[in-house]
C-alpha cells in the first residue's frame, strides 16, 4: 500500500515501484491521503489501515525556507520525524505477528 499526499501521487509512485520490481509488482496506491507534516492527516490515515506486515517509513522533505505547519512545528522536522513517530505509534497495534518496521533516512 503506497500512501502519498494525493491519490495521483500515490498512483504514480505505485506504478514506479511495480515497474522497477523483479516480481509481479504488488504495490497499490492508497486512496486515503497522507501528509506526514499534518497531525490530523496522520491520524485519519492510521485509522483507515488494518493489518500490517511491513511498515516502511521513508518520507523525506527539505524545505529551503523556515516554515511552520498548521500544528506549529517546523515543516522539515514535522514531515521527517514527528509524522513518522506519530504514524508508527498509531499503527503499532495493527502490526501482525512478525511484522517489521523499517526507518529509512
PDB file of N, CA and C in Angstrom:
ATOM      1  N   UNK A   1       0.856  -1.160   0.000  1.00  0.00           N
ATOM      2  CA  UNK A   1       0.000   0.000   0.000  1.00  0.00           C
ATOM      3  C   UNK A   1       0.907   1.228   0.000  1.00  0.00           C
ATOM      4  N   UNK A   2       0.712   2.104  -0.956  1.00  0.00           N
ATOM      5  CA  UNK A   2       1.567   3.272  -1.126  1.00  0.00           C
ATOM      6  C   UNK A   2       0.766   4.542  -0.852  1.00  0.00           C
ATOM      7  N   UNK A   3       0.991   5.189   0.291  1.00  0.00           N
ATOM      8  CA  UNK A   3       0.302   6.450   0.550  1.00  0.00           C
ATOM      9  C   UNK A   3       1.085   7.625  -0.001  1.00  0.00           C
ATOM     10  N   UNK A   4       0.390   8.736  -0.174  1.00  0.00           N
ATOM     11  CA  UNK A   4       1.012   9.987  -0.611  1.00  0.00           C
ATOM     12  C   UNK A   4       0.060  11.123  -0.250  1.00  0.00           C
ATOM     13  N   UNK A   5       0.515  12.347  -0.477  1.00  0.00           N
ATOM     14  CA  UNK A   5      -0.335  13.495  -0.158  1.00  0.00           C
ATOM     15  C   UNK A   5      -1.544  13.593  -1.078  1.00  0.00           C
ATOM     16  N   UNK A   6      -1.485  12.955  -2.259  1.00  0.00           N
ATOM     17  CA  UNK A   6      -2.625  12.952  -3.173  1.00  0.00           C
ATOM     18  C   UNK A   6      -2.765  11.564  -3.792  1.00  0.00           C
ATOM     19  N   UNK A   7      -3.978  11.237  -4.246  1.00  0.00           N
ATOM     20  CA  UNK A   7      -4.226   9.942  -4.883  1.00  0.00           C
ATOM     21  C   UNK A   7      -3.410   9.804  -6.161  1.00  0.00           C
ATOM     22  N   UNK A   8      -3.252  10.906  -6.901  1.00  0.00           N
ATOM     23  CA  UNK A   8      -2.480  10.864  -8.144  1.00  0.00           C
ATOM     24  C   UNK A   8      -1.015  10.535  -7.875  1.00  0.00           C
ATOM     25  N   UNK A   9      -0.459  11.151  -6.843  1.00  0.00           N
ATOM     26  CA  UNK A   9       0.937  10.894  -6.488  1.00  0.00           C
ATOM     27  C   UNK A   9       1.103   9.452  -6.019  1.00  0.00           C
ATOM     28  N   UNK A  10       0.147   8.931  -5.267  1.00  0.00           N
ATOM     29  CA  UNK A  10       0.206   7.548  -4.796  1.00  0.00           C
ATOM     30  C   UNK A  10       0.174   6.586  -5.984  1.00  0.00           C
ATOM     31  N   UNK A  11      -0.673   6.871  -6.971  1.00  0.00           N
ATOM     32  CA  UNK A  11      -0.763   6.019  -8.156  1.00  0.00           C
ATOM     33  C   UNK A  11       0.551   6.023  -8.928  1.00  0.00           C
ATOM     34  N   UNK A  12       1.121   7.209  -9.164  1.00  0.00           N
ATOM     35  CA  UNK A  12       2.397   7.292  -9.890  1.00  0.00           C
ATOM     36  C   UNK A  12       3.504   6.530  -9.165  1.00  0.00           C
ATOM     37  N   UNK A  13       3.575   6.684  -7.846  1.00  0.00           N
ATOM     38  CA  UNK A  13       4.619   6.019  -7.074  1.00  0.00           C
ATOM     39  C   UNK A  13       4.434   4.501  -7.103  1.00  0.00           C
ATOM     40  N   UNK A  14       3.208   4.029  -6.947  1.00  0.00           N
ATOM     41  CA  UNK A  14       2.943   2.592  -7.010  1.00  0.00           C
ATOM     42  C   UNK A  14       3.329   2.037  -8.379  1.00  0.00           C
ATOM     43  N   UNK A  15       3.030   2.770  -9.445  1.00  0.00           N
ATOM     44  CA  UNK A  15       3.399   2.335 -10.787  1.00  0.00           C
ATOM     45  C   UNK A  15       4.914   2.248 -10.945  1.00  0.00           C
ATOM     46  N   UNK A  16       5.641   3.224 -10.397  1.00  0.00           N
ATOM     47  CA  UNK A  16       7.106   3.197 -10.468  1.00  0.00           C
ATOM     48  C   UNK A  16       7.676   2.004  -9.705  1.00  0.00           C
ATOM     49  N   UNK A  17       7.140   1.743  -8.525  1.00  0.00           N
ATOM     50  CA  UNK A  17       7.604   0.603  -7.723  1.00  0.00           C
ATOM     51  C   UNK A  17       7.353  -0.694  -8.475  1.00  0.00           C
ATOM     52  N   UNK A  18       6.159  -0.851  -9.032  1.00  0.00           N
ATOM     53  CA  UNK A  18       5.819  -2.077  -9.746  1.00  0.00           C
ATOM     54  C   UNK A  18       6.662  -2.249 -11.005  1.00  0.00           C
ATOM     55  N   UNK A  19       6.953  -1.165 -11.706  1.00  0.00           N
ATOM     56  CA  UNK A  19       7.780  -1.245 -12.909  1.00  0.00           C
ATOM     57  C   UNK A  19       9.212  -1.641 -12.576  1.00  0.00           C
ATOM     58  N   UNK A  20       9.706  -1.213 -11.417  1.00  0.00           N
ATOM     59  CA  UNK A  20      11.087  -1.495 -11.019  1.00  0.00           C
ATOM     60  C   UNK A  20      11.237  -2.848 -10.315  1.00  0.00           C
ATOM     61  N   UNK A  21      10.134  -3.429  -9.876  1.00  0.00           N
ATOM     62  CA  UNK A  21      10.236  -4.687  -9.122  1.00  0.00           C
ATOM     63  C   UNK A  21      10.575  -5.843 -10.052  1.00  0.00           C
ATOM     64  N   UNK A  22      11.259  -6.827  -9.503  1.00  0.00           N
ATOM     65  CA  UNK A  22      11.631  -8.002 -10.291  1.00  0.00           C
ATOM     66  C   UNK A  22      10.538  -9.063 -10.247  1.00  0.00           C
ATOM     67  N   UNK A  23       9.564  -8.851  -9.371  1.00  0.00           N
ATOM     68  CA  UNK A  23       8.456  -9.792  -9.250  1.00  0.00           C
ATOM     69  C   UNK A  23       7.227  -9.259  -9.960  1.00  0.00           C
ATOM     70  N   UNK A  24       6.065  -9.762  -9.554  1.00  0.00           N
ATOM     71  CA  UNK A  24       4.825  -9.354 -10.226  1.00  0.00           C
ATOM     72  C   UNK A  24       4.401  -7.920  -9.922  1.00  0.00           C
ATOM     73  N   UNK A  25       4.965  -7.293  -8.922  1.00  0.00           N
ATOM     74  CA  UNK A  25       4.614  -5.919  -8.579  1.00  0.00           C
ATOM     75  C   UNK A  25       3.263  -5.839  -7.905  1.00  0.00           C
ATOM     76  N   UNK A  26       3.281  -5.692  -6.601  1.00  0.00           N
ATOM     77  CA  UNK A  26       2.044  -5.704  -5.842  1.00  0.00           C
ATOM     78  C   UNK A  26       1.759  -4.387  -5.120  1.00  0.00           C
ATOM     79  N   UNK A  27       2.527  -3.353  -5.410  1.00  0.00           N
ATOM     80  CA  UNK A  27       2.297  -2.065  -4.754  1.00  0.00           C
ATOM     81  C   UNK A  27       0.962  -1.510  -5.234  1.00  0.00           C
ATOM     82  N   UNK A  28       0.148  -1.070  -4.281  1.00  0.00           N
ATOM     83  CA  UNK A  28      -1.158  -0.491  -4.590  1.00  0.00           C
ATOM     84  C   UNK A  28      -1.216   0.933  -4.062  1.00  0.00           C
ATOM     85  N   UNK A  29      -1.760   1.852  -4.857  1.00  0.00           N
ATOM     86  CA  UNK A  29      -1.902   3.218  -4.344  1.00  0.00           C
ATOM     87  C   UNK A  29      -2.967   3.264  -3.258  1.00  0.00           C
ATOM     88  N   UNK A  30      -2.760   4.113  -2.283  1.00  0.00           N
ATOM     89  CA  UNK A  30      -3.709   4.274  -1.188  1.00  0.00           C
ATOM     90  C   UNK A  30      -4.654   5.419  -1.514  1.00  0.00           C
ATOM     91  N   UNK A  31      -5.936   5.198  -1.280  1.00  0.00           N
ATOM     92  CA  UNK A  31      -6.919   6.237  -1.591  1.00  0.00           C
ATOM     93  C   UNK A  31      -7.020   7.295  -0.492  1.00  0.00           C
ATOM     94  N   UNK A  32      -6.525   6.986   0.706  1.00  0.00           N
ATOM     95  CA  UNK A  32      -6.563   7.945   1.808  1.00  0.00           C
ATOM     96  C   UNK A  32      -5.260   8.743   1.781  1.00  0.00           C
ATOM     97  N   UNK A  33      -5.327  10.061   1.612  1.00  0.00           N
ATOM     98  CA  UNK A  33      -4.094  10.848   1.542  1.00  0.00           C
ATOM     99  C   UNK A  33      -3.335  10.838   2.869  1.00  0.00           C
ATOM    100  N   UNK A  34      -2.032  11.010   2.769  1.00  0.00           N
ATOM    101  CA  UNK A  34      -1.185  11.060   3.960  1.00  0.00           C
ATOM    102  C   UNK A  34      -0.190  12.196   3.820  1.00  0.00           C
ATOM    103  N   UNK A  35      -0.322  13.187   4.671  1.00  0.00           N
ATOM    104  CA  UNK A  35       0.638  14.288   4.749  1.00  0.00           C
ATOM    105  C   UNK A  35       1.292  14.174   6.117  1.00  0.00           C
ATOM    106  N   UNK A  36       2.524  13.703   6.157  1.00  0.00           N
ATOM    107  CA  UNK A  36       3.205  13.468   7.424  1.00  0.00           C
ATOM    108  C   UNK A  36       3.466  14.743   8.219  1.00  0.00           C
ATOM    109  N   UNK A  37       3.318  15.889   7.596  1.00  0.00           N
ATOM    110  CA  UNK A  37       3.509  17.150   8.312  1.00  0.00           C
ATOM    111  C   UNK A  37       2.222  17.615   8.993  1.00  0.00           C
ATOM    112  N   UNK A  38       1.152  16.838   8.847  1.00  0.00           N
ATOM    113  CA  UNK A  38      -0.137  17.195   9.435  1.00  0.00           C
ATOM    114  C   UNK A  38      -0.582  16.119  10.417  1.00  0.00           C
ATOM    115  N   UNK A  39      -0.712  16.490  11.678  1.00  0.00           N
ATOM    116  CA  UNK A  39      -1.131  15.516  12.691  1.00  0.00           C
ATOM    117  C   UNK A  39      -2.506  14.942  12.366  1.00  0.00           C
ATOM    118  N   UNK A  40      -3.418  15.769  11.890  1.00  0.00           N
ATOM    119  CA  UNK A  40      -4.768  15.297  11.552  1.00  0.00           C
ATOM    120  C   UNK A  40      -4.733  14.307  10.392  1.00  0.00           C
ATOM    121  N   UNK A  41      -3.920  14.576   9.377  1.00  0.00           N
ATOM    122  CA  UNK A  41      -3.795  13.677   8.238  1.00  0.00           C
ATOM    123  C   UNK A  41      -3.241  12.324   8.668  1.00  0.00           C
ATOM    124  N   UNK A  42      -2.224  12.331   9.522  1.00  0.00           N
ATOM    125  CA  UNK A  42      -1.633  11.074  10.010  1.00  0.00           C
ATOM    126  C   UNK A  42      -2.676  10.283  10.793  1.00  0.00           C
ATOM    127  N   UNK A  43      -3.444  10.963  11.621  1.00  0.00           N
ATOM    128  CA  UNK A  43      -4.477  10.298  12.419  1.00  0.00           C
ATOM    129  C   UNK A  43      -5.522   9.637  11.518  1.00  0.00           C
ATOM    130  N   UNK A  44      -6.036  10.377  10.538  1.00  0.00           N
ATOM    131  CA  UNK A  44      -7.046   9.834   9.624  1.00  0.00           C
ATOM    132  C   UNK A  44      -6.500   8.654   8.836  1.00  0.00           C
ATOM    133  N   UNK A  45      -5.257   8.780   8.358  1.00  0.00           N
ATOM    134  CA  UNK A  45      -4.656   7.689   7.602  1.00  0.00           C
ATOM    135  C   UNK A  45      -4.527   6.446   8.474  1.00  0.00           C
ATOM    136  N   UNK A  46      -3.990   6.597   9.670  1.00  0.00           N
ATOM    137  CA  UNK A  46      -3.787   5.447  10.561  1.00  0.00           C
ATOM    138  C   UNK A  46      -5.108   4.756  10.875  1.00  0.00           C
ATOM    139  N   UNK A  47      -6.170   5.524  11.038  1.00  0.00           N
ATOM    140  CA  UNK A  47      -7.481   4.937  11.324  1.00  0.00           C
ATOM    141  C   UNK A  47      -8.021   4.129  10.154  1.00  0.00           C
ATOM    142  N   UNK A  48      -7.528   4.383   8.948  1.00  0.00           N
ATOM    143  CA  UNK A  48      -8.019   3.678   7.761  1.00  0.00           C
ATOM    144  C   UNK A  48      -7.285   2.364   7.497  1.00  0.00           C
ATOM    145  N   UNK A  49      -6.229   2.087   8.236  1.00  0.00           N
ATOM    146  CA  UNK A  49      -5.390   0.920   7.993  1.00  0.00           C
ATOM    147  C   UNK A  49      -5.739  -0.207   8.967  1.00  0.00           C
ATOM    148  N   UNK A  50      -5.710  -1.450   8.462  1.00  0.00           N
ATOM    149  CA  UNK A  50      -5.985  -2.596   9.336  1.00  0.00           C
ATOM    150  C   UNK A  50      -4.685  -3.338   9.627  1.00  0.00           C
ATOM    151  N   UNK A  51      -4.551  -4.565   9.194  1.00  0.00           N
ATOM    152  CA  UNK A  51      -3.361  -5.374   9.491  1.00  0.00           C
ATOM    153  C   UNK A  51      -2.168  -4.955   8.635  1.00  0.00           C
ATOM    154  N   UNK A  52      -0.986  -4.960   9.254  1.00  0.00           N
ATOM    155  CA  UNK A  52       0.245  -4.542   8.576  1.00  0.00           C
ATOM    156  C   UNK A  52       1.308  -5.623   8.730  1.00  0.00           C
ATOM    157  N   UNK A  53       1.930  -5.989   7.613  1.00  0.00           N
ATOM    158  CA  UNK A  53       3.044  -6.940   7.629  1.00  0.00           C
ATOM    159  C   UNK A  53       4.386  -6.221   7.643  1.00  0.00           C
ATOM    160  N   UNK A  54       4.444  -5.061   6.990  1.00  0.00           N
ATOM    161  CA  UNK A  54       5.687  -4.303   6.865  1.00  0.00           C
ATOM    162  C   UNK A  54       5.347  -2.823   6.815  1.00  0.00           C
ATOM    163  N   UNK A  55       6.023  -2.039   7.630  1.00  0.00           N
ATOM    164  CA  UNK A  55       5.849  -0.590   7.624  1.00  0.00           C
ATOM    165  C   UNK A  55       7.195   0.035   7.303  1.00  0.00           C
ATOM    166  N   UNK A  56       7.274   0.728   6.177  1.00  0.00           N
ATOM    167  CA  UNK A  56       8.497   1.416   5.778  1.00  0.00           C
ATOM    168  C   UNK A  56       8.247   2.912   5.907  1.00  0.00           C
ATOM    169  N   UNK A  57       9.013   3.547   6.769  1.00  0.00           N
ATOM    170  CA  UNK A  57       8.911   4.989   6.976  1.00  0.00           C
ATOM    171  C   UNK A  57      10.004   5.641   6.140  1.00  0.00           C
ATOM    172  N   UNK A  58       9.596   6.224   5.001  1.00  0.00           N
ATOM    173  CA  UNK A  58      10.569   6.666   4.016  1.00  0.00           C
ATOM    174  C   UNK A  58      10.353   8.106   3.545  1.00  0.00           C
ATOM    175  N   UNK A  59       9.571   8.874   4.248  1.00  0.00           N
ATOM    176  CA  UNK A  59       9.334  10.248   3.798  1.00  0.00           C
ATOM    177  C   UNK A  59      10.563  11.096   4.040  1.00  0.00           C
ATOM    178  N   UNK A  60      10.748  12.049   3.191  1.00  0.00           N
ATOM    179  CA  UNK A  60      11.845  12.976   3.388  1.00  0.00           C
ATOM    180  C   UNK A  60      11.602  14.252   2.620  1.00  0.00           C
ATOM    181  N   UNK A  61      11.570  15.345   3.319  1.00  0.00           N
ATOM    182  CA  UNK A  61      11.438  16.649   2.668  1.00  0.00           C
ATOM    183  C   UNK A  61      12.522  17.559   3.216  1.00  0.00           C
ATOM    184  N   UNK A  62      12.876  18.521   2.413  1.00  0.00           N
ATOM    185  CA  UNK A  62      13.817  19.538   2.872  1.00  0.00           C
ATOM    186  C   UNK A  62      13.373  20.855   2.268  1.00  0.00           C
ATOM    187  N   UNK A  63      12.765  21.665   3.080  1.00  0.00           N
ATOM    188  CA  UNK A  63      12.300  22.945   2.588  1.00  0.00           C
ATOM    189  C   UNK A  63      13.392  23.994   2.807  1.00  0.00           C
ATOM    190  N   UNK A  64      13.674  24.763   1.778  1.00  0.00           N
ATOM    191  CA  UNK A  64      14.769  25.728   1.895  1.00  0.00           C
ATOM    192  C   UNK A  64      14.466  26.883   2.843  1.00  0.00           C
ATOM    193  N   UNK A  65      13.192  27.163   3.060  1.00  0.00           N
ATOM    194  CA  UNK A  65      12.828  28.280   3.941  1.00  0.00           C
ATOM    195  C   UNK A  65      12.186  27.743   5.211  1.00  0.00           C
ATOM    196  N   UNK A  66      12.339  28.475   6.272  1.00  0.00           N
ATOM    197  CA  UNK A  66      11.703  28.130   7.535  1.00  0.00           C
ATOM    198  C   UNK A  66      10.198  28.269   7.358  1.00  0.00           C
ATOM    199  N   UNK A  67       9.468  27.203   7.686  1.00  0.00           N
ATOM    200  CA  UNK A  67       8.020  27.213   7.520  1.00  0.00           C
ATOM    201  C   UNK A  67       7.386  26.399   8.632  1.00  0.00           C
ATOM    202  N   UNK A  68       6.364  26.961   9.275  1.00  0.00           N
ATOM    203  CA  UNK A  68       5.638  26.238  10.312  1.00  0.00           C
ATOM    204  C   UNK A  68       4.409  25.569   9.721  1.00  0.00           C
ATOM    205  N   UNK A  69       4.115  24.360  10.189  1.00  0.00           N
ATOM    206  CA  UNK A  69       2.902  23.667   9.782  1.00  0.00           C
ATOM    207  C   UNK A  69       1.709  24.254  10.526  1.00  0.00           C
ATOM    208  N   UNK A  70       0.501  23.810  10.172  1.00  0.00           N
ATOM    209  CA  UNK A  70      -0.701  24.258  10.886  1.00  0.00           C
ATOM    210  C   UNK A  70      -0.637  23.856  12.355  1.00  0.00           C
ATOM    211  N   UNK A  71       0.113  22.801  12.657  1.00  0.00           N
ATOM    212  CA  UNK A  71       0.242  22.321  14.035  1.00  0.00           C
ATOM    213  C   UNK A  71       1.311  23.065  14.820  1.00  0.00           C
ATOM    214  N   UNK A  72       2.056  23.964  14.157  1.00  0.00           N
ATOM    215  CA  UNK A  72       3.053  24.773  14.837  1.00  0.00           C
ATOM    216  C   UNK A  72       4.459  24.209  14.861  1.00  0.00           C
ATOM    217  N   UNK A  73       4.700  23.119  14.128  1.00  0.00           N
ATOM    218  CA  UNK A  73       6.041  22.527  14.067  1.00  0.00           C
ATOM    219  C   UNK A  73       6.741  23.001  12.795  1.00  0.00           C
ATOM    220  N   UNK A  74       8.061  23.020  12.817  1.00  0.00           N
ATOM    221  CA  UNK A  74       8.818  23.358  11.618  1.00  0.00           C
ATOM    222  C   UNK A  74       8.572  22.254  10.585  1.00  0.00           C
ATOM    223  N   UNK A  75       8.343  22.631   9.328  1.00  0.00           N
ATOM    224  CA  UNK A  75       7.925  21.724   8.251  1.00  0.00           C
ATOM    225  C   UNK A  75       8.815  20.485   8.102  1.00  0.00           C
ATOM    226  N   UNK A  76      10.110  20.671   8.016  1.00  0.00           N
ATOM    227  CA  UNK A  76      11.017  19.544   7.796  1.00  0.00           C
ATOM    228  C   UNK A  76      11.004  18.579   8.972  1.00  0.00           C
ATOM    229  N   UNK A  77      11.043  19.097  10.188  1.00  0.00           N
ATOM    230  CA  UNK A  77      11.005  18.247  11.389  1.00  0.00           C
ATOM    231  C   UNK A  77       9.674  17.505  11.464  1.00  0.00           C
ATOM    232  N   UNK A  78       8.585  18.194  11.135  1.00  0.00           N
ATOM    233  CA  UNK A  78       7.256  17.578  11.192  1.00  0.00           C
ATOM    234  C   UNK A  78       7.148  16.402  10.225  1.00  0.00           C
ATOM    235  N   UNK A  79       7.556  16.592   8.977  1.00  0.00           N
ATOM    236  CA  UNK A  79       7.413  15.547   7.962  1.00  0.00           C
ATOM    237  C   UNK A  79       8.421  14.421   8.144  1.00  0.00           C
ATOM    238  N   UNK A  80       9.648  14.744   8.484  1.00  0.00           N
ATOM    239  CA  UNK A  80      10.703  13.730   8.534  1.00  0.00           C
ATOM    240  C   UNK A  80      10.792  12.983   9.857  1.00  0.00           C
ATOM    241  N   UNK A  81      10.296  13.572  10.938  1.00  0.00           N
ATOM    242  CA  UNK A  81      10.477  12.943  12.249  1.00  0.00           C
ATOM    243  C   UNK A  81       9.180  12.798  13.034  1.00  0.00           C
ATOM    244  N   UNK A  82       8.501  13.906  13.281  1.00  0.00           N
ATOM    245  CA  UNK A  82       7.293  13.853  14.112  1.00  0.00           C
ATOM    246  C   UNK A  82       6.201  13.006  13.460  1.00  0.00           C
ATOM    247  N   UNK A  83       6.009  13.170  12.151  1.00  0.00           N
ATOM    248  CA  UNK A  83       4.998  12.393  11.440  1.00  0.00           C
ATOM    249  C   UNK A  83       5.290  10.914  11.459  1.00  0.00           C
ATOM    250  N   UNK A  84       6.565  10.543  11.270  1.00  0.00           N
ATOM    251  CA  UNK A  84       6.954   9.130  11.340  1.00  0.00           C
ATOM    252  C   UNK A  84       6.653   8.549  12.719  1.00  0.00           C
ATOM    253  N   UNK A  85       7.008   9.291  13.753  1.00  0.00           N
ATOM    254  CA  UNK A  85       6.773   8.814  15.113  1.00  0.00           C
ATOM    255  C   UNK A  85       5.285   8.638  15.373  1.00  0.00           C
ATOM    256  N   UNK A  86       4.489   9.634  15.004  1.00  0.00           N
ATOM    257  CA  UNK A  86       3.043   9.543  15.223  1.00  0.00           C
ATOM    258  C   UNK A  86       2.445   8.381  14.433  1.00  0.00           C
ATOM    259  N   UNK A  87       2.861   8.208  13.184  1.00  0.00           N
ATOM    260  CA  UNK A  87       2.325   7.130  12.362  1.00  0.00           C
ATOM    261  C   UNK A  87       2.709   5.762  12.914  1.00  0.00           C
ATOM    262  N   UNK A  88       3.979   5.579  13.257  1.00  0.00           N
ATOM    263  CA  UNK A  88       4.421   4.291  13.794  1.00  0.00           C
ATOM    264  C   UNK A  88       3.718   3.964  15.108  1.00  0.00           C
ATOM    265  N   UNK A  89       3.542   4.958  15.950  1.00  0.00           N
ATOM    266  CA  UNK A  89       2.864   4.757  17.230  1.00  0.00           C
ATOM    267  C   UNK A  89       1.397   4.377  17.014  1.00  0.00           C
ATOM    268  N   UNK A  90       0.742   5.065  16.093  1.00  0.00           N
ATOM    269  CA  UNK A  90      -0.675   4.789  15.828  1.00  0.00           C
ATOM    270  C   UNK A  90      -0.879   3.430  15.175  1.00  0.00           C
ATOM    271  N   UNK A  91       0.082   3.003  14.347  1.00  0.00           N
ATOM    272  CA  UNK A  91      -0.071   1.736  13.642  1.00  0.00           C
ATOM    273  C   UNK A  91       0.478   0.532  14.416  1.00  0.00           C
ATOM    274  N   UNK A  92       1.210   0.756  15.481  1.00  0.00           N
ATOM    275  CA  UNK A  92       1.825  -0.341  16.242  1.00  0.00           C
ATOM    276  C   UNK A  92       0.826  -1.435  16.625  1.00  0.00           C
ATOM    277  N   UNK A  93      -0.377  -1.113  17.094  1.00  0.00           N
ATOM    278  CA  UNK A  93      -1.313  -2.177  17.451  1.00  0.00           C
ATOM    279  C   UNK A  93      -1.790  -3.010  16.253  1.00  0.00           C
ATOM    280  N   UNK A  94      -1.584  -2.516  15.052  1.00  0.00           N
ATOM    281  CA  UNK A  94      -2.040  -3.225  13.851  1.00  0.00           C
ATOM    282  C   UNK A  94      -0.949  -4.070  13.208  1.00  0.00           C
ATOM    283  N   UNK A  95       0.255  -4.036  13.773  1.00  0.00           N
ATOM    284  CA  UNK A  95       1.348  -4.850  13.236  1.00  0.00           C
ATOM    285  C   UNK A  95       1.069  -6.316  13.531  1.00  0.00           C
ATOM    286  N   UNK A  96       1.115  -7.143  12.488  1.00  0.00           N
ATOM    287  CA  UNK A  96       0.817  -8.563  12.629  1.00  0.00           C
ATOM    288  C   UNK A  96       2.064  -9.337  13.037  1.00  0.00           C
ATOM    289  N   UNK A  97       1.898 -10.293  13.943  1.00  0.00           N
ATOM    290  CA  UNK A  97       2.940 -11.255  14.328  1.00  0.00           C
ATOM    291  C   UNK A  97       4.365 -10.794  14.209  1.00  0.00           C
ATOM    292  N   UNK A  98       5.025 -11.228  13.152  1.00  0.00           N
ATOM    293  CA  UNK A  98       6.446 -10.911  12.964  1.00  0.00           C
ATOM    294  C   UNK A  98       6.646  -9.717  12.016  1.00  0.00           C
ATOM    295  N   UNK A  99       5.714  -8.787  12.015  1.00  0.00           N
ATOM    296  CA  UNK A  99       5.827  -7.609  11.156  1.00  0.00           C
ATOM    297  C   UNK A  99       7.081  -6.818  11.498  1.00  0.00           C
ATOM    298  N   UNK A 100       7.564  -6.096  10.505  1.00  0.00           N
ATOM    299  CA  UNK A 100       8.767  -5.283  10.684  1.00  0.00           C
ATOM    300  C   UNK A 100       8.462  -3.816  10.435  1.00  0.00           C
ATOM    301  N   UNK A 101       9.231  -2.978  11.109  1.00  0.00           N
ATOM    302  CA  UNK A 101       9.183  -1.539  10.876  1.00  0.00           C
ATOM    303  C   UNK A 101      10.576  -1.135  10.399  1.00  0.00           C
ATOM    304  N   UNK A 102      10.647  -0.509   9.232  1.00  0.00           N
ATOM    305  CA  UNK A 102      11.918  -0.082   8.659  1.00  0.00           C
ATOM    306  C   UNK A 102      11.888   1.437   8.550  1.00  0.00           C
ATOM    307  N   UNK A 103      12.902   2.094   9.107  1.00  0.00           N
ATOM    308  CA  UNK A 103      13.008   3.542   9.022  1.00  0.00           C
ATOM    309  C   UNK A 103      14.195   3.873   8.135  1.00  0.00           C
ATOM    310  N   UNK A 104      13.929   4.608   7.065  1.00  0.00           N
ATOM    311  CA  UNK A 104      14.966   4.986   6.101  1.00  0.00           C
ATOM    312  C   UNK A 104      15.180   6.490   6.245  1.00  0.00           C
ATOM    313  N   UNK A 105      16.443   6.899   6.306  1.00  0.00           N
ATOM    314  CA  UNK A 105      16.704   8.332   6.389  1.00  0.00           C
ATOM    315  C   UNK A 105      17.617   8.758   5.262  1.00  0.00           C
TER     316      UNK A 105
END
